[in-house]
C-alpha atoms as a PDB file:
ATOM      1  CA  MET A   1       0.000   0.000   0.000  1.00  0.00           C
ATOM      2  CA  SER A   2       1.376   3.398  -0.970  1.00  0.00           C
ATOM      3  CA  ALA A   3       1.994   6.004   1.731  1.00  0.00           C
ATOM      4  CA  ALA A   4      -0.589   8.739   2.181  1.00  0.00           C
ATOM      5  CA  PRO A   5       0.381  11.996   0.446  1.00  0.00           C
ATOM      6  CA  ARG A   6       2.004  14.630   2.616  1.00  0.00           C
ATOM      7  CA  VAL A   7      -0.375  17.163   4.088  1.00  0.00           C
ATOM      8  CA  ARG A   8       0.214  20.673   2.766  1.00  0.00           C
ATOM      9  CA  ASN A   9       0.642  23.071   5.653  1.00  0.00           C
ATOM     10  CA  VAL A  10       0.273  26.846   5.617  1.00  0.00           C
ATOM     11  CA  MET A  11       3.399  28.988   5.456  1.00  0.00           C
ATOM     12  CA  SER A  12       2.770  32.575   6.547  1.00  0.00           C
ATOM     13  CA  VAL A  13       5.021  35.592   7.057  1.00  0.00           C
ATOM     14  CA  ASP A  14       4.028  38.645   9.096  1.00  0.00           C
ATOM     15  CA  VAL A  15       5.835  41.569   7.454  1.00  0.00           C
ATOM     16  CA  GLU A  16       6.781  44.133  10.084  1.00  0.00           C
ATOM     17  CA  ASP A  17      10.018  45.742  11.259  1.00  0.00           C
ATOM     18  CA  TYR A  18      11.823  44.836  14.477  1.00  0.00           C
ATOM     19  CA  PHE A  19      10.766  48.053  16.237  1.00  0.00           C
ATOM     20  CA  GLN A  20       7.067  47.659  15.356  1.00  0.00           C
ATOM     21  CA  VAL A  21       6.357  44.532  17.406  1.00  0.00           C
ATOM     22  CA  SER A  22       3.878  44.721  20.267  1.00  0.00           C
ATOM     23  CA  ALA A  23       6.602  44.026  22.818  1.00  0.00           C
ATOM     24  CA  MET A  24       8.298  47.320  21.895  1.00  0.00           C
ATOM     25  CA  GLU A  25       5.191  49.520  22.101  1.00  0.00           C
ATOM     26  CA  GLY A  26       6.171  50.921  25.471  1.00  0.00           C
ATOM     27  CA  ILE A  27       9.563  52.147  24.266  1.00  0.00           C
ATOM     28  CA  VAL A  28       8.991  52.966  20.584  1.00  0.00           C
ATOM     29  CA  SER A  29       6.347  55.546  19.709  1.00  0.00           C
ATOM     30  CA  ARG A  30       4.618  55.171  16.338  1.00  0.00           C
ATOM     31  CA  ASP A  31       5.415  58.845  15.764  1.00  0.00           C
ATOM     32  CA  GLU A  32       9.092  57.841  15.856  1.00  0.00           C
ATOM     33  CA  TRP A  33       8.940  54.873  13.483  1.00  0.00           C
ATOM     34  CA  THR A  34      10.564  56.800  10.646  1.00  0.00           C
ATOM     35  CA  THR A  35      13.524  57.714  12.880  1.00  0.00           C
ATOM     36  CA  TYR A  36      14.594  54.098  13.459  1.00  0.00           C
ATOM     37  CA  GLU A  37      16.898  52.184  11.151  1.00  0.00           C
ATOM     38  CA  SER A  38      14.591  50.114   8.973  1.00  0.00           C
ATOM     39  CA  ARG A  39      15.667  46.565   8.182  1.00  0.00           C
ATOM     40  CA  VAL A  40      12.378  45.148   6.904  1.00  0.00           C
ATOM     41  CA  VAL A  41      13.297  45.236   3.211  1.00  0.00           C
ATOM     42  CA  ASP A  42      16.534  43.275   3.502  1.00  0.00           C
ATOM     43  CA  SER A  43      15.116  40.766   5.978  1.00  0.00           C
ATOM     44  CA  THR A  44      12.002  40.168   3.870  1.00  0.00           C
ATOM     45  CA  LEU A  45      14.098  39.694   0.741  1.00  0.00           C
ATOM     46  CA  ARG A  46      16.079  37.078   2.678  1.00  0.00           C
ATOM     47  CA  VAL A  47      12.831  35.253   3.472  1.00  0.00           C
ATOM     48  CA  LEU A  48      11.851  35.391  -0.208  1.00  0.00           C
ATOM     49  CA  ASP A  49      15.199  33.823  -1.147  1.00  0.00           C
ATOM     50  CA  LEU A  50      14.760  31.028   1.397  1.00  0.00           C
ATOM     51  CA  LEU A  51      11.236  30.257   0.203  1.00  0.00           C
ATOM     52  CA  ALA A  52      12.401  30.257  -3.422  1.00  0.00           C
ATOM     53  CA  ALA A  53      15.205  27.835  -2.585  1.00  0.00           C
ATOM     54  CA  HIS A  54      12.621  25.358  -1.316  1.00  0.00           C
ATOM     55  CA  LYS A  55       9.991  26.210  -3.940  1.00  0.00           C
ATOM     56  CA  VAL A  56       7.503  27.206  -1.253  1.00  0.00           C
ATOM     57  CA  THR A  57       4.678  29.685  -1.798  1.00  0.00           C
ATOM     58  CA  ALA A  58       3.533  31.598   1.299  1.00  0.00           C
ATOM     59  CA  THR A  59       0.957  34.089   2.481  1.00  0.00           C
ATOM     60  CA  PHE A  60       2.511  37.427   3.465  1.00  0.00           C
ATOM     61  CA  PHE A  61       0.489  39.413   6.001  1.00  0.00           C
ATOM     62  CA  ILE A  62       1.823  42.903   5.346  1.00  0.00           C
ATOM     63  CA  LEU A  63       1.660  45.902   7.649  1.00  0.00           C
ATOM     64  CA  GLY A  64      -0.028  48.789   5.834  1.00  0.00           C
ATOM     65  CA  TRP A  65       2.622  51.218   7.097  1.00  0.00           C
ATOM     66  CA  VAL A  66       5.307  49.048   5.511  1.00  0.00           C
ATOM     67  CA  ALA A  67       3.373  48.972   2.225  1.00  0.00           C
ATOM     68  CA  ASP A  68       3.173  52.770   2.216  1.00  0.00           C
ATOM     69  CA  GLN A  69       6.870  53.178   2.964  1.00  0.00           C
ATOM     70  CA  TYR A  70       8.196  50.369   0.756  1.00  0.00           C
ATOM     71  CA  PRO A  71       5.733  49.644  -2.082  1.00  0.00           C
ATOM     72  CA  ALA A  72       8.508  48.095  -4.192  1.00  0.00           C
ATOM     73  CA  LEU A  73       8.930  45.410  -1.526  1.00  0.00           C
ATOM     74  CA  VAL A  74       5.244  44.516  -1.786  1.00  0.00           C
ATOM     75  CA  ARG A  75       5.579  44.284  -5.558  1.00  0.00           C
ATOM     76  CA  ARG A  76       8.565  41.930  -5.134  1.00  0.00           C
ATOM     77  CA  ILE A  77       6.463  39.651  -2.931  1.00  0.00           C
ATOM     78  CA  VAL A  78       3.661  39.566  -5.492  1.00  0.00           C
ATOM     79  CA  ALA A  79       6.055  39.061  -8.411  1.00  0.00           C
ATOM     80  CA  ALA A  80       7.531  36.042  -6.628  1.00  0.00           C
ATOM     81  CA  GLY A  81       4.094  34.415  -6.723  1.00  0.00           C
ATOM     82  CA  HIS A  82       3.107  34.768  -3.088  1.00  0.00           C
ATOM     83  CA  GLU A  83      -0.299  35.649  -1.676  1.00  0.00           C
ATOM     84  CA  ILE A  84      -0.701  38.959   0.127  1.00  0.00           C
ATOM     85  CA  ALA A  85      -2.967  39.775   3.043  1.00  0.00           C
ATOM     86  CA  SER A  86      -3.340  42.467   5.701  1.00  0.00           C
ATOM     87  CA  HIS A  87      -1.589  42.697   9.058  1.00  0.00           C
ATOM     88  CA  SER A  88      -3.319  46.003   9.965  1.00  0.00           C
ATOM     89  CA  TYR A  89      -1.850  49.458   9.371  1.00  0.00           C
ATOM     90  CA  TRP A  90      -0.452  50.544  12.753  1.00  0.00           C
ATOM     91  CA  HIS A  91       0.087  47.171  14.457  1.00  0.00           C
ATOM     92  CA  ARG A  92      -2.243  47.993  17.322  1.00  0.00           C
ATOM     93  CA  LEU A  93      -3.685  45.209  19.464  1.00  0.00           C
ATOM     94  CA  VAL A  94      -7.295  44.750  18.376  1.00  0.00           C
ATOM     95  CA  TYR A  95      -8.641  44.511  21.932  1.00  0.00           C
ATOM     96  CA  THR A  96      -7.290  48.017  22.635  1.00  0.00           C
ATOM     97  CA  LEU A  97      -9.387  49.478  19.788  1.00  0.00           C
ATOM     98  CA  THR A  98     -13.040  50.309  19.288  1.00  0.00           C
ATOM     99  CA  PRO A  99     -14.941  48.789  16.355  1.00  0.00           C
ATOM    100  CA  GLU A 100     -14.764  52.204  14.660  1.00  0.00           C
ATOM    101  CA  THR A 101     -10.992  52.651  15.016  1.00  0.00           C
ATOM    102  CA  PHE A 102     -10.457  49.035  14.006  1.00  0.00           C
ATOM    103  CA  ARG A 103     -12.463  49.579  10.830  1.00  0.00           C
ATOM    104  CA  GLU A 104     -10.503  52.745  10.024  1.00  0.00           C
ATOM    105  CA  ASP A 105      -7.184  50.922  10.473  1.00  0.00           C
ATOM    106  CA  LEU A 106      -8.421  47.964   8.436  1.00  0.00           C
ATOM    107  CA  ARG A 107      -9.473  50.167   5.533  1.00  0.00           C
ATOM    108  CA  ARG A 108      -6.285  52.217   5.548  1.00  0.00           C
ATOM    109  CA  ALA A 109      -4.157  49.074   5.521  1.00  0.00           C
ATOM    110  CA  ARG A 110      -6.099  47.522   2.653  1.00  0.00           C
ATOM    111  CA  ILE A 111      -5.759  50.632   0.507  1.00  0.00           C
ATOM    112  CA  ALA A 112      -2.015  50.846   1.150  1.00  0.00           C
ATOM    113  CA  ILE A 113      -1.369  47.171   0.427  1.00  0.00           C
ATOM    114  CA  GLU A 114      -3.593  46.941  -2.641  1.00  0.00           C
ATOM    115  CA  ASP A 115      -2.177  50.170  -4.097  1.00  0.00           C
ATOM    116  CA  ALA A 116       1.338  48.800  -3.726  1.00  0.00           C
ATOM    117  CA  ALA A 117       0.563  45.261  -4.855  1.00  0.00           C
ATOM    118  CA  GLY A 118      -1.937  45.798  -7.643  1.00  0.00           C
ATOM    119  CA  VAL A 119      -3.943  42.782  -6.431  1.00  0.00           C
ATOM    120  CA  ALA A 120      -6.836  42.408  -4.006  1.00  0.00           C
ATOM    121  CA  VAL A 121      -6.499  41.633  -0.293  1.00  0.00           C
ATOM    122  CA  HIS A 122      -8.842  38.922   1.014  1.00  0.00           C
ATOM    123  CA  GLY A 123      -7.277  37.913   4.329  1.00  0.00           C
ATOM    124  CA  TYR A 124      -6.372  39.448   7.669  1.00  0.00           C
ATOM    125  CA  ARG A 125      -4.219  38.656  10.669  1.00  0.00           C
ATOM    126  CA  ALA A 126      -4.401  40.789  13.789  1.00  0.00           C
ATOM    127  CA  PRO A 127      -1.172  42.036  15.372  1.00  0.00           C
ATOM    128  CA  SER A 128      -0.113  39.517  18.034  1.00  0.00           C
ATOM    129  CA  PHE A 129      -3.169  37.364  17.284  1.00  0.00           C
ATOM    130  CA  SER A 130      -5.194  39.901  19.269  1.00  0.00           C
ATOM    131  CA  ILE A 131      -8.700  38.784  18.370  1.00  0.00           C
ATOM    132  CA  THR A 132      -9.615  37.314  21.751  1.00  0.00           C
ATOM    133  CA  GLU A 133     -12.803  36.739  23.719  1.00  0.00           C
ATOM    134  CA  GLN A 134     -13.021  40.485  24.377  1.00  0.00           C
ATOM    135  CA  SER A 135     -12.599  41.463  20.723  1.00  0.00           C
ATOM    136  CA  LEU A 136     -14.685  38.911  18.813  1.00  0.00           C
ATOM    137  CA  TRP A 137     -16.627  41.883  17.465  1.00  0.00           C
ATOM    138  CA  ALA A 138     -13.688  42.313  15.055  1.00  0.00           C
ATOM    139  CA  LEU A 139     -14.960  39.287  13.118  1.00  0.00           C
ATOM    140  CA  ASP A 140     -18.189  41.188  12.409  1.00  0.00           C
ATOM    141  CA  VAL A 141     -16.190  44.124  11.047  1.00  0.00           C
ATOM    142  CA  LEU A 142     -14.057  41.817   8.877  1.00  0.00           C
ATOM    143  CA  ILE A 143     -17.174  40.186   7.430  1.00  0.00           C
ATOM    144  CA  ASP A 144     -18.763  43.582   6.836  1.00  0.00           C
ATOM    145  CA  GLU A 145     -15.611  44.727   5.029  1.00  0.00           C
ATOM    146  CA  GLY A 146     -15.741  41.701   2.737  1.00  0.00           C
ATOM    147  CA  TYR A 147     -12.805  39.642   4.018  1.00  0.00           C
ATOM    148  CA  ALA A 148     -12.835  35.957   3.030  1.00  0.00           C
ATOM    149  CA  TYR A 149     -10.717  34.715   5.905  1.00  0.00           C
ATOM    150  CA  ASP A 150      -9.091  35.617   9.194  1.00  0.00           C
ATOM    151  CA  SER A 151      -6.048  34.100  10.902  1.00  0.00           C
ATOM    152  CA  SER A 152      -6.021  35.901  14.246  1.00  0.00           C
ATOM    153  CA  ILE A 153      -7.207  33.406  16.852  1.00  0.00           C
ATOM    154  CA  PHE A 154      -4.752  31.159  18.675  1.00  0.00           C
ATOM    155  CA  PRO A 155      -6.272  28.252  20.658  1.00  0.00           C
ATOM    156  CA  ILE A 156      -3.807  28.624  23.543  1.00  0.00           C
ATOM    157  CA  ARG A 157      -3.508  30.368  26.889  1.00  0.00           C
ATOM    158  CA  HIS A 158      -1.056  33.295  26.715  1.00  0.00           C
ATOM    159  CA  ASP A 159      -0.551  36.537  28.592  1.00  0.00           C
ATOM    160  CA  ARG A 160      -1.098  38.620  25.436  1.00  0.00           C
ATOM    161  CA  TYR A 161      -3.478  36.631  23.251  1.00  0.00           C
ATOM    162  CA  GLY A 162      -5.319  33.372  22.770  1.00  0.00           C
ATOM    163  CA  ILE A 163      -8.712  31.708  23.235  1.00  0.00           C
ATOM    164  CA  PRO A 164      -7.921  28.330  24.820  1.00  0.00           C
ATOM    165  CA  SER A 165     -11.345  26.893  24.002  1.00  0.00           C
ATOM    166  CA  ALA A 166     -11.280  27.926  20.320  1.00  0.00           C
ATOM    167  CA  PRO A 167     -11.345  25.206  17.628  1.00  0.00           C
ATOM    168  CA  ARG A 168      -7.885  23.933  16.636  1.00  0.00           C
ATOM    169  CA  LYS A 169      -8.818  23.314  12.996  1.00  0.00           C
ATOM    170  CA  ALA A 170      -9.807  25.749  10.257  1.00  0.00           C
ATOM    171  CA  HIS A 171     -13.525  26.387  10.475  1.00  0.00           C
ATOM    172  CA  ARG A 172     -16.217  28.701   9.201  1.00  0.00           C
ATOM    173  CA  VAL A 173     -17.323  31.344  11.670  1.00  0.00           C
ATOM    174  CA  ILE A 174     -21.002  32.227  11.385  1.00  0.00           C
ATOM    175  CA  ARG A 175     -21.987  35.686  12.612  1.00  0.00           C
ATOM    176  CA  SER A 176     -25.190  37.684  12.260  1.00  0.00           C
ATOM    177  CA  GLY A 177     -23.851  39.553   9.229  1.00  0.00           C
ATOM    178  CA  GLY A 178     -22.383  36.586   7.375  1.00  0.00           C
ATOM    179  CA  SER A 179     -19.415  34.273   7.695  1.00  0.00           C
ATOM    180  CA  LEU A 180     -15.713  33.911   7.046  1.00  0.00           C
ATOM    181  CA  LEU A 181     -13.106  31.185   7.322  1.00  0.00           C
ATOM    182  CA  GLU A 182     -11.021  31.224  10.504  1.00  0.00           C
ATOM    183  CA  ILE A 183      -7.555  29.691  10.155  1.00  0.00           C
ATOM    184  CA  PRO A 184      -6.261  29.418  13.718  1.00  0.00           C
ATOM    185  CA  GLY A 185      -2.717  29.276  14.922  1.00  0.00           C
ATOM    186  CA  THR A 186      -1.471  25.722  15.393  1.00  0.00           C
ATOM    187  CA  ALA A 187      -0.855  24.301  18.842  1.00  0.00           C
ATOM    188  CA  GLY A 188      -0.076  20.682  19.613  1.00  0.00           C
ATOM    189  CA  ARG A 189      -1.330  19.410  22.948  1.00  0.00           C
ATOM    190  CA  VAL A 190      -0.138  16.972  25.592  1.00  0.00           C
ATOM    191  CA  GLY A 191      -2.756  16.881  28.320  1.00  0.00           C
ATOM    192  CA  ASN A 192      -3.255  20.506  29.363  1.00  0.00           C
ATOM    193  CA  VAL A 193       0.030  21.703  27.850  1.00  0.00           C
ATOM    194  CA  SER A 194      -0.043  23.461  24.444  1.00  0.00           C
ATOM    195  CA  VAL A 195       2.941  23.758  22.112  1.00  0.00           C
ATOM    196  CA  ALA A 196       2.424  26.605  19.642  1.00  0.00           C
ATOM    197  CA  VAL A 197       3.930  26.532  16.159  1.00  0.00           C
ATOM    198  CA  GLY A 198       5.834  29.513  14.781  1.00  0.00           C
ATOM    199  CA  GLY A 199       7.362  32.825  15.853  1.00  0.00           C
ATOM    200  CA  GLY A 200       9.086  32.920  19.215  1.00  0.00           C
ATOM    201  CA  HIS A 201       7.897  29.390  19.988  1.00  0.00           C
ATOM    202  CA  PHE A 202       9.866  28.194  16.941  1.00  0.00           C
ATOM    203  CA  ARG A 203      13.049  29.946  18.062  1.00  0.00           C
ATOM    204  CA  ILE A 204      12.966  29.485  21.828  1.00  0.00           C
ATOM    205  CA  LEU A 205      11.729  25.902  22.172  1.00  0.00           C
ATOM    206  CA  PRO A 206      13.714  22.949  20.784  1.00  0.00           C
ATOM    207  CA  TYR A 207      13.011  22.309  17.104  1.00  0.00           C
ATOM    208  CA  ALA A 208      11.629  18.888  18.078  1.00  0.00           C
ATOM    209  CA  CYS A 209       8.628  20.642  19.664  1.00  0.00           C
ATOM    210  CA  THR A 210       7.618  22.219  16.347  1.00  0.00           C
ATOM    211  CA  ARG A 211       8.151  18.952  14.498  1.00  0.00           C
ATOM    212  CA  TRP A 212       6.035  17.048  17.014  1.00  0.00           C
ATOM    213  CA  ALA A 213       3.172  19.584  16.943  1.00  0.00           C
ATOM    214  CA  ILE A 214       2.976  19.604  13.136  1.00  0.00           C
ATOM    215  CA  ARG A 215       3.222  15.816  12.899  1.00  0.00           C
ATOM    216  CA  GLN A 216       0.458  15.470  15.476  1.00  0.00           C
ATOM    217  CA  LEU A 217      -1.888  17.481  13.273  1.00  0.00           C
ATOM    218  CA  ASN A 218      -0.703  16.041   9.933  1.00  0.00           C
ATOM    219  CA  GLU A 219      -0.444  12.358  10.801  1.00  0.00           C
ATOM    220  CA  THR A 220      -3.021  11.877  13.530  1.00  0.00           C
ATOM    221  CA  GLU A 221      -5.724  14.195  12.213  1.00  0.00           C
ATOM    222  CA  ARG A 222      -4.696  14.628   8.537  1.00  0.00           C
ATOM    223  CA  GLN A 223      -5.111  18.373   8.984  1.00  0.00           C
ATOM    224  CA  PRO A 224      -2.797  21.196   7.841  1.00  0.00           C
ATOM    225  CA  ALA A 225      -0.797  23.169  10.392  1.00  0.00           C
ATOM    226  CA  MET A 226      -0.381  26.930  10.179  1.00  0.00           C
ATOM    227  CA  PHE A 227       3.202  28.141  10.618  1.00  0.00           C
ATOM    228  CA  TYR A 228       4.089  31.819  11.011  1.00  0.00           C
ATOM    229  CA  ILE A 229       7.331  33.763  11.171  1.00  0.00           C
ATOM    230  CA  HIS A 230       8.530  37.382  10.923  1.00  0.00           C
ATOM    231  CA  PRO A 231      11.342  38.726   8.708  1.00  0.00           C
ATOM    232  CA  TRP A 232      13.091  40.282  11.737  1.00  0.00           C
ATOM    233  CA  GLU A 233      13.504  36.774  13.156  1.00  0.00           C
ATOM    234  CA  PHE A 234      16.092  36.127  10.418  1.00  0.00           C
ATOM    235  CA  ASP A 235      18.139  39.196  11.414  1.00  0.00           C
ATOM    236  CA  PRO A 236      20.397  38.492  14.420  1.00  0.00           C
ATOM    237  CA  ALA A 237      22.315  41.734  13.743  1.00  0.00           C
ATOM    238  CA  GLN A 238      19.270  43.965  14.322  1.00  0.00           C
ATOM    239  CA  PRO A 239      19.672  46.810  16.850  1.00  0.00           C
ATOM    240  CA  ARG A 240      18.923  45.843  20.447  1.00  0.00           C
ATOM    241  CA  LEU A 241      16.212  47.938  22.090  1.00  0.00           C
ATOM    242  CA  PRO A 242      15.869  48.458  25.879  1.00  0.00           C
ATOM    243  CA  ALA A 243      12.764  46.306  26.247  1.00  0.00           C
ATOM    244  CA  PRO A 244      11.613  44.732  29.535  1.00  0.00           C
ATOM    245  CA  PRO A 245      13.343  41.423  30.435  1.00  0.00           C
ATOM    246  CA  LEU A 246      10.531  39.110  29.296  1.00  0.00           C
ATOM    247  CA  SER A 247      10.199  40.962  25.990  1.00  0.00           C
ATOM    248  CA  ARG A 248      13.962  40.724  25.424  1.00  0.00           C
ATOM    249  CA  VAL A 249      13.828  36.973  25.966  1.00  0.00           C
ATOM    250  CA  ARG A 250      10.925  36.553  23.560  1.00  0.00           C
ATOM    251  CA  HIS A 251      12.332  38.842  20.887  1.00  0.00           C
ATOM    252  CA  TYR A 252      16.062  38.116  20.836  1.00  0.00           C
ATOM    253  CA  THR A 253      16.485  34.470  21.870  1.00  0.00           C
ATOM    254  CA  ASN A 254      18.005  32.252  19.167  1.00  0.00           C
ATOM    255  CA  LEU A 255      17.710  34.757  16.305  1.00  0.00           C
ATOM    256  CA  GLY A 256      20.893  33.211  14.958  1.00  0.00           C
ATOM    257  CA  ARG A 257      19.221  29.795  14.700  1.00  0.00           C
ATOM    258  CA  THR A 258      16.090  30.799  12.805  1.00  0.00           C
ATOM    259  CA  GLU A 259      17.464  30.299   9.307  1.00  0.00           C
ATOM    260  CA  GLU A 260      18.904  26.837   9.922  1.00  0.00           C
ATOM    261  CA  ARG A 261      15.693  25.687  11.585  1.00  0.00           C
ATOM    262  CA  PHE A 262      13.620  27.206   8.776  1.00  0.00           C
ATOM    263  CA  HIS A 263      15.568  25.217   6.164  1.00  0.00           C
ATOM    264  CA  ARG A 264      14.995  22.069   8.188  1.00  0.00           C
ATOM    265  CA  LEU A 265      11.283  22.778   8.538  1.00  0.00           C
ATOM    266  CA  MET A 266      10.778  23.179   4.790  1.00  0.00           C
ATOM    267  CA  GLU A 267      12.756  20.009   4.096  1.00  0.00           C
ATOM    268  CA  GLU A 268      10.645  17.939   6.484  1.00  0.00           C
ATOM    269  CA  PHE A 269       7.165  19.278   5.709  1.00  0.00           C
ATOM    270  CA  ALA A 270       5.156  20.492   2.717  1.00  0.00           C
ATOM    271  CA  PHE A 271       3.990  24.116   2.746  1.00  0.00           C
ATOM    272  CA  ASP A 272       1.846  26.395   0.613  1.00  0.00           C
ATOM    273  CA  SER A 273      -0.150  29.609   0.854  1.00  0.00           C
ATOM    274  CA  ILE A 274      -3.523  29.944   2.538  1.00  0.00           C
ATOM    275  CA  ALA A 275      -5.165  30.491  -0.831  1.00  0.00           C
ATOM    276  CA  SER A 276      -3.848  27.128  -2.031  1.00  0.00           C
ATOM    277  CA  VAL A 277      -4.492  25.119   1.117  1.00  0.00           C
ATOM    278  CA  PHE A 278      -7.913  26.687   1.749  1.00  0.00           C
ATOM    279  CA  PRO A 279      -9.479  27.929  -1.531  1.00  0.00           C
ATOM    280  CA  VAL A 280     -11.755  30.597  -0.078  1.00  0.00           C
ATOM    281  CA  GLY A 281     -11.531  33.216  -2.782  1.00  0.00           C
ATOM    282  CA  ALA A 282      -8.161  34.486  -1.572  1.00  0.00           C
ATOM    283  CA  GLY A 283      -6.012  36.062  -4.249  1.00  0.00           C
ATOM    284  CA  HIS A 284      -2.567  35.031  -5.474  1.00  0.00           C
ATOM    285  CA  GLY A 285       0.166  37.183  -6.850  1.00  0.00           C
ATOM    286  CA  ALA A 286       1.663  36.561 -10.262  1.00  0.00           C
ATOM    287  CA  SER A 287       3.129  33.111 -10.692  1.00  0.00           C
END
């Protein structure tokens, strides 16, 4: 009997600069963003090279501010055949916003990204996965604004985000105004312990934890995992900012190991964009 085909997992990249992360909000004002050394172009181009080397197509959730500042970078992503989606404009945590300010940010980001890319945006990911129990109203706004899918809910317990009771698999969310596909973050589970896949979890925990969590979903449940990473995680030479101790641990640990682990990940598992794994009307770039 032939082996079952490999499950295609989702590869996603959240395009933001090192000083724009939520952990740095207390020390970096958005009014000062243009005064910091930007490294997002070079680090994103490095990610594009790595994906090309493994012939992997990804979904790039792009910050609207980045699209406004570096439209040529967005065009490079599209020209390489990747899917584009929105990561908000100002990288504000959704649960700190009102529905009105969230809608304004959402619209501004979409205009910036679509103007730069020349293709439509159908998907959204909240900064720091900040659609939680207290901000589920954001799903209503996304549906009202015509988004096909969201990838903002992590089924884990975390000090900044997460809905532990949320479904672990992609599912359609039905709200009073319509529906959209929710593609949650991936977390393997052993008893009451969750092992999240991607970002700081990928760098800080042993690589075996990521492998185990993805295999659990792929082999036991025949479901795709959703992996995420940021371009700044491939940049160990980035400037060090005076963040609080916990934020420094989360942001800077093992930056020098990201690339090697990323190669290994793409060798061991199959990956593709959200639009390919979940055909929900999401748009591709040029192929």
